[in-house]
Structures are given as structure tokens and as C-alpha cells.
Amino acid sequence: MDKFKQASAPSIAEAIADVALTKKQPAGIITFNAEPLLFALINAAIAVRGDDKKDVIIMDRMAHNLATRHRDRIPYYYAHGFVRHRVTARL
């Protein structure tokens, strides 16, 4: 984790692309800001690789509670579609 102290979306995308097609792939990715940039960067990092796996879909976009996923893909959760916000104020 020390190497991610100065992490950026491109460096995180490269790190995920490095393990996306291995047994070390993340169990899921959660974003709280509905960040489409990281999703696109991960797909781009896979696509520019010179191997035969560059056309493989590696993530499923999980943006609402009816979204489905494939067992062999990484679920990419947009938490704003799942987490209910409840604001209470005490005076």
C-alpha cells in the first residue's frame, strides 16, 4: 500500500489492469463519486496491451440494485446507486 500514497486514477488503473486477468484480481471496485474516469482508464489499460485478452470484458458496471454480473468479471460498484442517504438533524 505504500506505493499508492501518491496514487492517481491512471496509476490505479494500471495496477488493476496488471492483475485483472489473474487470480489476484480485486473482488470488486467501489466508487462513491460515480467516477466513470477510473472505469474507462482500466478498460483502456487492458485494451492497449499487446496480448490476445485485450478485447475481453473484465468489469461489470453495477449502478443499481437490478444490475447483474458475471462470475469471471470484476464488479465495479457505483455506490450512489445503492447507498441510501438519510439526513437527520438534532438541535
PDB file of N, CA and C in Angstrom:
ATOM      1  N   MET A   1       0.816  -1.201   0.000  1.00  0.00           N
ATOM      2  CA  MET A   1       0.000   0.000   0.000  1.00  0.00           C
ATOM      3  C   MET A   1       0.860   1.266   0.000  1.00  0.00           C
ATOM      4  N   ASP A   2       2.104   1.176   0.454  1.00  0.00           N
ATOM      5  CA  ASP A   2       2.956   2.357   0.493  1.00  0.00           C
ATOM      6  C   ASP A   2       3.142   3.002  -0.872  1.00  0.00           C
ATOM      7  N   LYS A   3       3.186   2.191  -1.915  1.00  0.00           N
ATOM      8  CA  LYS A   3       3.420   2.758  -3.246  1.00  0.00           C
ATOM      9  C   LYS A   3       2.220   3.541  -3.777  1.00  0.00           C
ATOM     10  N   PHE A   4       1.059   3.453  -3.124  1.00  0.00           N
ATOM     11  CA  PHE A   4      -0.129   4.162  -3.585  1.00  0.00           C
ATOM     12  C   PHE A   4      -0.379   5.456  -2.820  1.00  0.00           C
ATOM     13  N   LYS A   5       0.598   5.930  -2.042  1.00  0.00           N
ATOM     14  CA  LYS A   5       0.409   7.180  -1.302  1.00  0.00           C
ATOM     15  C   LYS A   5       0.179   8.359  -2.241  1.00  0.00           C
ATOM     16  N   GLN A   6       0.787   8.344  -3.389  1.00  0.00           N
ATOM     17  CA  GLN A   6       0.623   9.414  -4.378  1.00  0.00           C
ATOM     18  C   GLN A   6      -0.155   8.903  -5.589  1.00  0.00           C
ATOM     19  N   ALA A   7      -1.150   8.091  -5.337  1.00  0.00           N
ATOM     20  CA  ALA A   7      -1.889   7.441  -6.419  1.00  0.00           C
ATOM     21  C   ALA A   7      -2.734   8.429  -7.203  1.00  0.00           C
ATOM     22  N   SER A   8      -2.886   8.116  -8.473  1.00  0.00           N
ATOM     23  CA  SER A   8      -3.763   8.875  -9.355  1.00  0.00           C
ATOM     24  C   SER A   8      -4.630   7.859 -10.090  1.00  0.00           C
ATOM     25  N   ALA A   9      -5.657   8.330 -10.745  1.00  0.00           N
ATOM     26  CA  ALA A   9      -6.536   7.416 -11.478  1.00  0.00           C
ATOM     27  C   ALA A   9      -5.770   6.588 -12.510  1.00  0.00           C
ATOM     28  N   PRO A  10      -4.843   7.178 -13.298  1.00  0.00           N
ATOM     29  CA  PRO A  10      -4.098   6.343 -14.254  1.00  0.00           C
ATOM     30  C   PRO A  10      -3.228   5.282 -13.589  1.00  0.00           C
ATOM     31  N   SER A  11      -2.571   5.618 -12.478  1.00  0.00           N
ATOM     32  CA  SER A  11      -1.717   4.620 -11.825  1.00  0.00           C
ATOM     33  C   SER A  11      -2.551   3.504 -11.175  1.00  0.00           C
ATOM     34  N   ILE A  12      -3.705   3.848 -10.631  1.00  0.00           N
ATOM     35  CA  ILE A  12      -4.597   2.831 -10.069  1.00  0.00           C
ATOM     36  C   ILE A  12      -5.120   1.928 -11.187  1.00  0.00           C
ATOM     37  N   ALA A  13      -5.480   2.515 -12.323  1.00  0.00           N
ATOM     38  CA  ALA A  13      -5.977   1.739 -13.460  1.00  0.00           C
ATOM     39  C   ALA A  13      -4.920   0.757 -13.955  1.00  0.00           C
ATOM     40  N   GLU A  14      -3.668   1.192 -14.038  1.00  0.00           N
ATOM     41  CA  GLU A  14      -2.582   0.308 -14.470  1.00  0.00           C
ATOM     42  C   GLU A  14      -2.392  -0.838 -13.483  1.00  0.00           C
ATOM     43  N   ALA A  15      -2.453  -0.527 -12.189  1.00  0.00           N
ATOM     44  CA  ALA A  15      -2.284  -1.566 -11.167  1.00  0.00           C
ATOM     45  C   ALA A  15      -3.399  -2.610 -11.263  1.00  0.00           C
ATOM     46  N   ILE A  16      -4.618  -2.164 -11.488  1.00  0.00           N
ATOM     47  CA  ILE A  16      -5.741  -3.101 -11.624  1.00  0.00           C
ATOM     48  C   ILE A  16      -5.614  -3.898 -12.914  1.00  0.00           C
ATOM     49  N   ALA A  17      -5.213  -3.240 -14.009  1.00  0.00           N
ATOM     50  CA  ALA A  17      -5.040  -3.942 -15.285  1.00  0.00           C
ATOM     51  C   ALA A  17      -3.967  -5.020 -15.179  1.00  0.00           C
ATOM     52  N   ASP A  18      -2.936  -4.776 -14.367  1.00  0.00           N
ATOM     53  CA  ASP A  18      -1.865  -5.763 -14.194  1.00  0.00           C
ATOM     54  C   ASP A  18      -2.376  -7.075 -13.614  1.00  0.00           C
ATOM     55  N   VAL A  19      -3.401  -7.014 -12.783  1.00  0.00           N
ATOM     56  CA  VAL A  19      -3.891  -8.226 -12.108  1.00  0.00           C
ATOM     57  C   VAL A  19      -5.300  -8.626 -12.528  1.00  0.00           C
ATOM     58  N   ALA A  20      -5.909  -7.880 -13.427  1.00  0.00           N
ATOM     59  CA  ALA A  20      -7.315  -8.097 -13.781  1.00  0.00           C
ATOM     60  C   ALA A  20      -7.599  -9.479 -14.340  1.00  0.00           C
ATOM     61  N   LEU A  21      -6.662 -10.057 -15.036  1.00  0.00           N
ATOM     62  CA  LEU A  21      -6.881 -11.359 -15.659  1.00  0.00           C
ATOM     63  C   LEU A  21      -6.137 -12.468 -14.921  1.00  0.00           C
ATOM     64  N   THR A  22      -5.838 -12.230 -13.646  1.00  0.00           N
ATOM     65  CA  THR A  22      -5.130 -13.216 -12.828  1.00  0.00           C
ATOM     66  C   THR A  22      -5.981 -13.572 -11.610  1.00  0.00           C
ATOM     67  N   LYS A  23      -5.475 -14.487 -10.821  1.00  0.00           N
ATOM     68  CA  LYS A  23      -6.166 -14.855  -9.589  1.00  0.00           C
ATOM     69  C   LYS A  23      -6.059 -13.763  -8.525  1.00  0.00           C
ATOM     70  N   LYS A  24      -5.232 -12.755  -8.771  1.00  0.00           N
ATOM     71  CA  LYS A  24      -5.064 -11.649  -7.827  1.00  0.00           C
ATOM     72  C   LYS A  24      -6.013 -10.489  -8.107  1.00  0.00           C
ATOM     73  N   GLN A  25      -6.945 -10.653  -9.048  1.00  0.00           N
ATOM     74  CA  GLN A  25      -7.866  -9.564  -9.375  1.00  0.00           C
ATOM     75  C   GLN A  25      -8.675  -9.167  -8.140  1.00  0.00           C
ATOM     76  N   PRO A  26      -9.043  -7.887  -8.043  1.00  0.00           N
ATOM     77  CA  PRO A  26      -9.843  -7.465  -6.894  1.00  0.00           C
ATOM     78  C   PRO A  26     -11.220  -8.121  -6.904  1.00  0.00           C
ATOM     79  N   ALA A  27     -11.772  -8.331  -5.711  1.00  0.00           N
ATOM     80  CA  ALA A  27     -13.108  -8.917  -5.594  1.00  0.00           C
ATOM     81  C   ALA A  27     -14.168  -7.938  -6.054  1.00  0.00           C
ATOM     82  N   GLY A  28     -13.842  -6.666  -6.089  1.00  0.00           N
ATOM     83  CA  GLY A  28     -14.765  -5.631  -6.531  1.00  0.00           C
ATOM     84  C   GLY A  28     -14.111  -4.271  -6.402  1.00  0.00           C
ATOM     85  N   ILE A  29     -14.665  -3.309  -7.080  1.00  0.00           N
ATOM     86  CA  ILE A  29     -14.209  -1.922  -7.014  1.00  0.00           C
ATOM     87  C   ILE A  29     -15.416  -1.079  -6.652  1.00  0.00           C
ATOM     88  N   ILE A  30     -15.251  -0.215  -5.668  1.00  0.00           N
ATOM     89  CA  ILE A  30     -16.345   0.645  -5.224  1.00  0.00           C
ATOM     90  C   ILE A  30     -15.943   2.096  -5.431  1.00  0.00           C
ATOM     91  N   THR A  31     -16.817   2.876  -6.040  1.00  0.00           N
ATOM     92  CA  THR A  31     -16.588   4.307  -6.162  1.00  0.00           C
ATOM     93  C   THR A  31     -17.776   5.029  -5.535  1.00  0.00           C
ATOM     94  N   PHE A  32     -17.484   6.061  -4.788  1.00  0.00           N
ATOM     95  CA  PHE A  32     -18.532   6.818  -4.112  1.00  0.00           C
ATOM     96  C   PHE A  32     -18.881   8.102  -4.861  1.00  0.00           C
ATOM     97  N   ASN A  33     -18.165   8.382  -5.916  1.00  0.00           N
ATOM     98  CA  ASN A  33     -18.416   9.606  -6.665  1.00  0.00           C
ATOM     99  C   ASN A  33     -18.936   9.327  -8.062  1.00  0.00           C
ATOM    100  N   ALA A  34     -19.392   8.108  -8.298  1.00  0.00           N
ATOM    101  CA  ALA A  34     -19.844   7.701  -9.643  1.00  0.00           C
ATOM    102  C   ALA A  34     -18.774   8.036 -10.662  1.00  0.00           C
ATOM    103  N   GLU A  35     -17.543   7.667 -10.352  1.00  0.00           N
ATOM    104  CA  GLU A  35     -16.363   8.016 -11.144  1.00  0.00           C
ATOM    105  C   GLU A  35     -16.256   7.173 -12.420  1.00  0.00           C
ATOM    106  N   PRO A  36     -16.692   7.717 -13.550  1.00  0.00           N
ATOM    107  CA  PRO A  36     -16.569   6.963 -14.796  1.00  0.00           C
ATOM    108  C   PRO A  36     -15.147   6.975 -15.346  1.00  0.00           C
ATOM    109  N   LEU A  37     -14.305   7.908 -14.892  1.00  0.00           N
ATOM    110  CA  LEU A  37     -12.944   8.005 -15.410  1.00  0.00           C
ATOM    111  C   LEU A  37     -12.138   6.753 -15.096  1.00  0.00           C
ATOM    112  N   LEU A  38     -12.159   6.279 -13.857  1.00  0.00           N
ATOM    113  CA  LEU A  38     -11.385   5.090 -13.497  1.00  0.00           C
ATOM    114  C   LEU A  38     -11.869   3.871 -14.278  1.00  0.00           C
ATOM    115  N   PHE A  39     -13.172   3.710 -14.412  1.00  0.00           N
ATOM    116  CA  PHE A  39     -13.729   2.600 -15.196  1.00  0.00           C
ATOM    117  C   PHE A  39     -13.173   2.633 -16.618  1.00  0.00           C
ATOM    118  N   ALA A  40     -13.177   3.809 -17.242  1.00  0.00           N
ATOM    119  CA  ALA A  40     -12.680   3.949 -18.615  1.00  0.00           C
ATOM    120  C   ALA A  40     -11.170   3.717 -18.688  1.00  0.00           C
ATOM    121  N   LEU A  41     -10.427   4.218 -17.691  1.00  0.00           N
ATOM    122  CA  LEU A  41      -8.977   4.037 -17.695  1.00  0.00           C
ATOM    123  C   LEU A  41      -8.576   2.576 -17.529  1.00  0.00           C
ATOM    124  N   ILE A  42      -9.295   1.838 -16.701  1.00  0.00           N
ATOM    125  CA  ILE A  42      -8.995   0.407 -16.541  1.00  0.00           C
ATOM    126  C   ILE A  42      -9.232  -0.313 -17.862  1.00  0.00           C
ATOM    127  N   ASN A  43     -10.359  -0.032 -18.505  1.00  0.00           N
ATOM    128  CA  ASN A  43     -10.641  -0.649 -19.809  1.00  0.00           C
ATOM    129  C   ASN A  43      -9.596  -0.252 -20.845  1.00  0.00           C
ATOM    130  N   ALA A  44      -9.160   0.997 -20.834  1.00  0.00           N
ATOM    131  CA  ALA A  44      -8.141   1.458 -21.782  1.00  0.00           C
ATOM    132  C   ALA A  44      -6.801   0.776 -21.513  1.00  0.00           C
ATOM    133  N   ALA A  45      -6.442   0.626 -20.234  1.00  0.00           N
ATOM    134  CA  ALA A  45      -5.176  -0.026 -19.891  1.00  0.00           C
ATOM    135  C   ALA A  45      -5.161  -1.474 -20.368  1.00  0.00           C
ATOM    136  N   ILE A  46      -6.303  -2.140 -20.301  1.00  0.00           N
ATOM    137  CA  ILE A  46      -6.395  -3.516 -20.820  1.00  0.00           C
ATOM    138  C   ILE A  46      -6.329  -3.505 -22.350  1.00  0.00           C
ATOM    139  N   ALA A  47      -7.017  -2.563 -22.973  1.00  0.00           N
ATOM    140  CA  ALA A  47      -7.119  -2.529 -24.434  1.00  0.00           C
ATOM    141  C   ALA A  47      -5.781  -2.263 -25.121  1.00  0.00           C
ATOM    142  N   VAL A  48      -4.915  -1.468 -24.519  1.00  0.00           N
ATOM    143  CA  VAL A  48      -3.653  -1.119 -25.179  1.00  0.00           C
ATOM    144  C   VAL A  48      -2.573  -2.186 -24.990  1.00  0.00           C
ATOM    145  N   ARG A  49      -2.844  -3.190 -24.207  1.00  0.00           N
ATOM    146  CA  ARG A  49      -1.877  -4.271 -24.028  1.00  0.00           C
ATOM    147  C   ARG A  49      -1.802  -5.107 -25.294  1.00  0.00           C
ATOM    148  N   GLY A  50      -0.680  -5.677 -25.538  1.00  0.00           N
ATOM    149  CA  GLY A  50      -0.452  -6.408 -26.787  1.00  0.00           C
ATOM    150  C   GLY A  50      -0.849  -7.867 -26.764  1.00  0.00           C
ATOM    151  N   ASP A  51      -1.573  -8.304 -25.742  1.00  0.00           N
ATOM    152  CA  ASP A  51      -1.917  -9.721 -25.684  1.00  0.00           C
ATOM    153  C   ASP A  51      -3.282  -9.989 -26.319  1.00  0.00           C
ATOM    154  N   ASP A  52      -3.650 -11.253 -26.380  1.00  0.00           N
ATOM    155  CA  ASP A  52      -4.906 -11.629 -27.020  1.00  0.00           C
ATOM    156  C   ASP A  52      -6.118 -11.409 -26.126  1.00  0.00           C
ATOM    157  N   LYS A  53      -5.912 -10.926 -24.916  1.00  0.00           N
ATOM    158  CA  LYS A  53      -7.007 -10.707 -23.976  1.00  0.00           C
ATOM    159  C   LYS A  53      -7.528  -9.266 -24.023  1.00  0.00           C
ATOM    160  N   LYS A  54      -6.999  -8.444 -24.911  1.00  0.00           N
ATOM    161  CA  LYS A  54      -7.351  -7.025 -24.889  1.00  0.00           C
ATOM    162  C   LYS A  54      -8.809  -6.740 -25.224  1.00  0.00           C
ATOM    163  N   ASP A  55      -9.513  -7.676 -25.853  1.00  0.00           N
ATOM    164  CA  ASP A  55     -10.923  -7.481 -26.178  1.00  0.00           C
ATOM    165  C   ASP A  55     -11.862  -8.106 -25.143  1.00  0.00           C
ATOM    166  N   VAL A  56     -11.303  -8.654 -24.090  1.00  0.00           N
ATOM    167  CA  VAL A  56     -12.095  -9.302 -23.053  1.00  0.00           C
ATOM    168  C   VAL A  56     -12.740  -8.248 -22.157  1.00  0.00           C
ATOM    169  N   ILE A  57     -14.005  -8.454 -21.853  1.00  0.00           N
ATOM    170  CA  ILE A  57     -14.688  -7.568 -20.902  1.00  0.00           C
ATOM    171  C   ILE A  57     -14.295  -8.024 -19.507  1.00  0.00           C
ATOM    172  N   ILE A  58     -13.695  -7.137 -18.714  1.00  0.00           N
ATOM    173  CA  ILE A  58     -13.191  -7.556 -17.406  1.00  0.00           C
ATOM    174  C   ILE A  58     -14.025  -7.044 -16.244  1.00  0.00           C
ATOM    175  N   MET A  59     -14.910  -6.068 -16.492  1.00  0.00           N
ATOM    176  CA  MET A  59     -15.695  -5.491 -15.401  1.00  0.00           C
ATOM    177  C   MET A  59     -17.165  -5.427 -15.774  1.00  0.00           C
ATOM    178  N   ASP A  60     -17.987  -5.526 -14.756  1.00  0.00           N
ATOM    179  CA  ASP A  60     -19.422  -5.306 -14.906  1.00  0.00           C
ATOM    180  C   ASP A  60     -19.782  -4.033 -14.155  1.00  0.00           C
ATOM    181  N   ARG A  61     -20.469  -3.137 -14.820  1.00  0.00           N
ATOM    182  CA  ARG A  61     -20.896  -1.878 -14.203  1.00  0.00           C
ATOM    183  C   ARG A  61     -22.124  -2.150 -13.328  1.00  0.00           C
ATOM    184  N   MET A  62     -21.984  -1.860 -12.042  1.00  0.00           N
ATOM    185  CA  MET A  62     -23.049  -2.109 -11.075  1.00  0.00           C
ATOM    186  C   MET A  62     -23.552  -0.753 -10.575  1.00  0.00           C
ATOM    187  N   ALA A  63     -24.556  -0.214 -11.241  1.00  0.00           N
ATOM    188  CA  ALA A  63     -25.009   1.136 -10.927  1.00  0.00           C
ATOM    189  C   ALA A  63     -26.374   1.180 -10.242  1.00  0.00           C
ATOM    190  N   HIS A  64     -27.030   0.045 -10.130  1.00  0.00           N
ATOM    191  CA  HIS A  64     -28.330  -0.001  -9.464  1.00  0.00           C
ATOM    192  C   HIS A  64     -28.563  -1.412  -8.950  1.00  0.00           C
ATOM    193  N   ASN A  65     -29.577  -1.577  -8.140  1.00  0.00           N
ATOM    194  CA  ASN A  65     -29.787  -2.872  -7.489  1.00  0.00           C
ATOM    195  C   ASN A  65     -30.291  -3.966  -8.427  1.00  0.00           C
ATOM    196  N   LEU A  66     -30.620  -3.660  -9.652  1.00  0.00           N
ATOM    197  CA  LEU A  66     -31.047  -4.672 -10.613  1.00  0.00           C
ATOM    198  C   LEU A  66     -29.928  -5.088 -11.569  1.00  0.00           C
ATOM    199  N   ALA A  67     -28.748  -4.496 -11.386  1.00  0.00           N
ATOM    200  CA  ALA A  67     -27.617  -4.821 -12.250  1.00  0.00           C
ATOM    201  C   ALA A  67     -27.175  -6.261 -12.005  1.00  0.00           C
ATOM    202  N   THR A  68     -26.756  -6.931 -13.061  1.00  0.00           N
ATOM    203  CA  THR A  68     -26.268  -8.304 -12.936  1.00  0.00           C
ATOM    204  C   THR A  68     -24.794  -8.351 -13.267  1.00  0.00           C
ATOM    205  N   ARG A  69     -24.146  -9.375 -12.772  1.00  0.00           N
ATOM    206  CA  ARG A  69     -22.728  -9.513 -13.046  1.00  0.00           C
ATOM    207  C   ARG A  69     -22.390 -10.947 -13.399  1.00  0.00           C
ATOM    208  N   HIS A  70     -21.275 -11.085 -14.094  1.00  0.00           N
ATOM    209  CA  HIS A  70     -20.749 -12.390 -14.458  1.00  0.00           C
ATOM    210  C   HIS A  70     -19.711 -12.814 -13.431  1.00  0.00           C
ATOM    211  N   ARG A  71     -19.640 -14.092 -13.139  1.00  0.00           N
ATOM    212  CA  ARG A  71     -18.718 -14.592 -12.112  1.00  0.00           C
ATOM    213  C   ARG A  71     -17.260 -14.292 -12.405  1.00  0.00           C
ATOM    214  N   ASP A  72     -16.879 -14.271 -13.660  1.00  0.00           N
ATOM    215  CA  ASP A  72     -15.476 -14.089 -14.003  1.00  0.00           C
ATOM    216  C   ASP A  72     -15.084 -12.625 -14.225  1.00  0.00           C
ATOM    217  N   ARG A  73     -15.981 -11.705 -13.945  1.00  0.00           N
ATOM    218  CA  ARG A  73     -15.684 -10.280 -14.120  1.00  0.00           C
ATOM    219  C   ARG A  73     -15.613  -9.563 -12.777  1.00  0.00           C
ATOM    220  N   ILE A  74     -14.928  -8.446 -12.763  1.00  0.00           N
ATOM    221  CA  ILE A  74     -14.803  -7.635 -11.564  1.00  0.00           C
ATOM    222  C   ILE A  74     -16.020  -6.713 -11.483  1.00  0.00           C
ATOM    223  N   PRO A  75     -16.781  -6.757 -10.395  1.00  0.00           N
ATOM    224  CA  PRO A  75     -17.906  -5.819 -10.275  1.00  0.00           C
ATOM    225  C   PRO A  75     -17.394  -4.419  -9.939  1.00  0.00           C
ATOM    226  N   TYR A  76     -17.856  -3.437 -10.668  1.00  0.00           N
ATOM    227  CA  TYR A  76     -17.479  -2.037 -10.453  1.00  0.00           C
ATOM    228  C   TYR A  76     -18.725  -1.325  -9.945  1.00  0.00           C
ATOM    229  N   TYR A  77     -18.777  -1.101  -8.638  1.00  0.00           N
ATOM    230  CA  TYR A  77     -19.964  -0.555  -7.983  1.00  0.00           C
ATOM    231  C   TYR A  77     -19.946   0.968  -7.944  1.00  0.00           C
ATOM    232  N   TYR A  78     -21.007   1.564  -8.438  1.00  0.00           N
ATOM    233  CA  TYR A  78     -21.236   2.995  -8.276  1.00  0.00           C
ATOM    234  C   TYR A  78     -22.121   3.129  -7.040  1.00  0.00           C
ATOM    235  N   ALA A  79     -21.526   3.419  -5.887  1.00  0.00           N
ATOM    236  CA  ALA A  79     -22.236   3.358  -4.611  1.00  0.00           C
ATOM    237  C   ALA A  79     -23.409   4.327  -4.516  1.00  0.00           C
ATOM    238  N   HIS A  80     -23.401   5.409  -5.249  1.00  0.00           N
ATOM    239  CA  HIS A  80     -24.524   6.341  -5.175  1.00  0.00           C
ATOM    240  C   HIS A  80     -25.816   5.711  -5.674  1.00  0.00           C
ATOM    241  N   GLY A  81     -25.719   4.658  -6.450  1.00  0.00           N
ATOM    242  CA  GLY A  81     -26.917   3.967  -6.888  1.00  0.00           C
ATOM    243  C   GLY A  81     -27.448   2.982  -5.860  1.00  0.00           C
ATOM    244  N   PHE A  82     -26.628   2.635  -4.865  1.00  0.00           N
ATOM    245  CA  PHE A  82     -27.003   1.635  -3.878  1.00  0.00           C
ATOM    246  C   PHE A  82     -27.229   2.191  -2.478  1.00  0.00           C
ATOM    247  N   VAL A  83     -26.435   3.168  -2.088  1.00  0.00           N
ATOM    248  CA  VAL A  83     -26.459   3.661  -0.711  1.00  0.00           C
ATOM    249  C   VAL A  83     -27.540   4.722  -0.561  1.00  0.00           C
ATOM    250  N   ARG A  84     -28.425   4.492   0.381  1.00  0.00           N
ATOM    251  CA  ARG A  84     -29.470   5.483   0.662  1.00  0.00           C
ATOM    252  C   ARG A  84     -28.913   6.516   1.623  1.00  0.00           C
ATOM    253  N   HIS A  85     -29.235   7.757   1.383  1.00  0.00           N
ATOM    254  CA  HIS A  85     -28.779   8.837   2.247  1.00  0.00           C
ATOM    255  C   HIS A  85     -29.929   9.278   3.126  1.00  0.00           C
ATOM    256  N   ARG A  86     -29.676   9.358   4.408  1.00  0.00           N
ATOM    257  CA  ARG A  86     -30.693   9.815   5.329  1.00  0.00           C
ATOM    258  C   ARG A  86     -30.064  10.904   6.186  1.00  0.00           C
ATOM    259  N   VAL A  87     -30.631  12.048   6.121  1.00  0.00           N
ATOM    260  CA  VAL A  87     -30.109  13.178   6.869  1.00  0.00           C
ATOM    261  C   VAL A  87     -31.041  13.445   8.041  1.00  0.00           C
ATOM    262  N   THR A  88     -30.482  13.470   9.224  1.00  0.00           N
ATOM    263  CA  THR A  88     -31.259  13.832  10.417  1.00  0.00           C
ATOM    264  C   THR A  88     -30.517  14.943  11.107  1.00  0.00           C
ATOM    265  N   ALA A  89     -31.263  15.847  11.632  1.00  0.00           N
ATOM    266  CA  ALA A  89     -30.661  16.988  12.331  1.00  0.00           C
ATOM    267  C   ALA A  89     -31.154  17.012  13.767  1.00  0.00           C
ATOM    268  N   ARG A  90     -30.229  17.267  14.633  1.00  0.00           N
ATOM    269  CA  ARG A  90     -30.585  17.452  16.047  1.00  0.00           C
ATOM    270  C   ARG A  90     -30.251  18.877  16.448  1.00  0.00           C
ATOM    271  N   LEU A  91     -31.176  19.485  17.080  1.00  0.00           N
ATOM    272  CA  LEU A  91     -30.956  20.875  17.530  1.00  0.00           C
ATOM    273  C   LEU A  91     -30.838  20.922  19.033  1.00  0.00           C
TER     274      LEU A  91
END
